C-alpha atoms as a PDB file:
ATOM      1  CA  MET A   1     -80.781 102.809 247.400  1.00  0.00           C
ATOM      2  CA  SER A   2     -77.718 104.861 248.225  1.00  0.00           C
ATOM      3  CA  PRO A   3     -76.338 107.375 245.709  1.00  0.00           C
ATOM      4  CA  ARG A   4     -73.301 105.121 245.255  1.00  0.00           C
ATOM      5  CA  HIS A   5     -75.516 102.175 244.289  1.00  0.00           C
ATOM      6  CA  ALA A   6     -77.611 104.336 241.990  1.00  0.00           C
ATOM      7  CA  GLY A   7     -74.486 105.599 240.227  1.00  0.00           C
ATOM      8  CA  ALA A   8     -73.132 102.101 239.732  1.00  0.00           C
ATOM      9  CA  ARG A   9     -76.461 100.921 238.394  1.00  0.00           C
ATOM     10  CA  ARG A  10     -76.659 103.776 235.903  1.00  0.00           C
ATOM     11  CA  CYS A  11     -73.087 103.142 234.817  1.00  0.00           C
ATOM     12  CA  ARG A  12     -73.481  99.433 234.130  1.00  0.00           C
ATOM     13  CA  GLY A  13     -77.224  99.093 233.618  1.00  0.00           C
ATOM     14  CA  ARG A  14     -77.513  96.440 236.333  1.00  0.00           C
ATOM     15  CA  SER A  15     -79.636  96.217 239.443  1.00  0.00           C
ATOM     16  CA  SER A  16     -77.940  96.387 242.836  1.00  0.00           C
ATOM     17  CA  GLY A  17     -79.592  93.019 243.492  1.00  0.00           C
ATOM     18  CA  ASP A  18     -77.917  91.397 240.472  1.00  0.00           C
ATOM     19  CA  ILE A  19     -75.852  88.413 241.654  1.00  0.00           C
ATOM     20  CA  ALA A  20     -72.857  89.489 239.561  1.00  0.00           C
ATOM     21  CA  VAL A  21     -72.882  92.925 241.207  1.00  0.00           C
ATOM     22  CA  ARG A  22     -73.127  91.372 244.661  1.00  0.00           C
ATOM     23  CA  ALA A  23     -70.378  88.841 243.928  1.00  0.00           C
ATOM     24  CA  LEU A  24     -68.016  91.560 242.740  1.00  0.00           C
ATOM     25  CA  ALA A  25     -68.767  93.736 245.772  1.00  0.00           C
ATOM     26  CA  GLY A  26     -68.153  90.773 248.077  1.00  0.00           C
ATOM     27  CA  ALA A  27     -64.872  89.942 246.342  1.00  0.00           C
ATOM     28  CA  VAL A  28     -63.617  93.518 246.658  1.00  0.00           C
ATOM     29  CA  ILE A  29     -64.555  93.670 250.344  1.00  0.00           C
ATOM     30  CA  GLY A  30     -62.932  90.276 250.943  1.00  0.00           C
ATOM     31  CA  VAL A  31     -59.690  91.359 249.278  1.00  0.00           C
ATOM     32  CA  ILE A  32     -59.544  94.504 251.392  1.00  0.00           C
ATOM     33  CA  MET A  33     -60.261  92.524 254.570  1.00  0.00           C
ATOM     34  CA  ALA A  34     -57.430  90.121 253.710  1.00  0.00           C
ATOM     35  CA  VAL A  35     -55.029  93.048 253.338  1.00  0.00           C
ATOM     36  CA  LEU A  36     -56.070  94.416 256.721  1.00  0.00           C
ATOM     37  CA  LEU A  37     -55.081  91.139 258.419  1.00  0.00           C
ATOM     38  CA  ASP A  38     -51.387  92.010 258.018  1.00  0.00           C
ATOM     39  CA  PRO A  39     -50.651  94.715 260.608  1.00  0.00           C
ATOM     40  CA  GLU A  40     -47.222  95.442 259.109  1.00  0.00           C
ATOM     41  CA  ALA A  41     -48.359  95.828 255.504  1.00  0.00           C
ATOM     42  CA  ASP A  42     -48.186  99.065 253.572  1.00  0.00           C
ATOM     43  CA  LEU A  43     -51.956  99.293 253.169  1.00  0.00           C
ATOM     44  CA  VAL A  44     -51.903 101.315 249.959  1.00  0.00           C
ATOM     45  CA  LYS A  45     -49.420  99.051 248.180  1.00  0.00           C
ATOM     46  CA  ALA A  46     -50.972  95.840 249.501  1.00  0.00           C
ATOM     47  CA  THR A  47     -54.492  96.930 248.566  1.00  0.00           C
ATOM     48  CA  ASP A  48     -53.351  97.926 245.092  1.00  0.00           C
ATOM     49  CA  ALA A  49     -51.610  94.577 244.596  1.00  0.00           C
ATOM     50  CA  ALA A  50     -54.584  92.620 245.932  1.00  0.00           C
ATOM     51  CA  LEU A  51     -57.094  94.458 243.745  1.00  0.00           C
ATOM     52  CA  ALA A  52     -54.818  93.968 240.730  1.00  0.00           C
ATOM     53  CA  GLN A  53     -54.810  90.244 241.488  1.00  0.00           C
ATOM     54  CA  LEU A  54     -58.605  90.298 241.673  1.00  0.00           C
ATOM     55  CA  GLU A  55     -58.754  92.122 238.347  1.00  0.00           C
ATOM     56  CA  THR A  56     -56.646  89.447 236.635  1.00  0.00           C
ATOM     57  CA  GLY A  57     -58.958  86.726 237.873  1.00  0.00           C
ATOM     58  CA  PHE A  58     -56.614  85.139 240.415  1.00  0.00           C
ATOM     59  CA  THR A  59     -54.478  83.120 238.071  1.00  0.00           C
ATOM     60  CA  LEU A  60     -52.458  81.066 240.559  1.00  0.00           C
END
């Protein structure tokens, strides 16, 4: 287990194999990948906006 995983586990009390942990990690990676698909985007602003959307639960 990497130090990053160990820190997250200690912080939340969950295993790195917990499906909720994996789902969140996958969602964050997916959001960042989606931002990277726009070559003209301001990556910092677009990533911030995309992660904020993820945080709100994607109310469309």
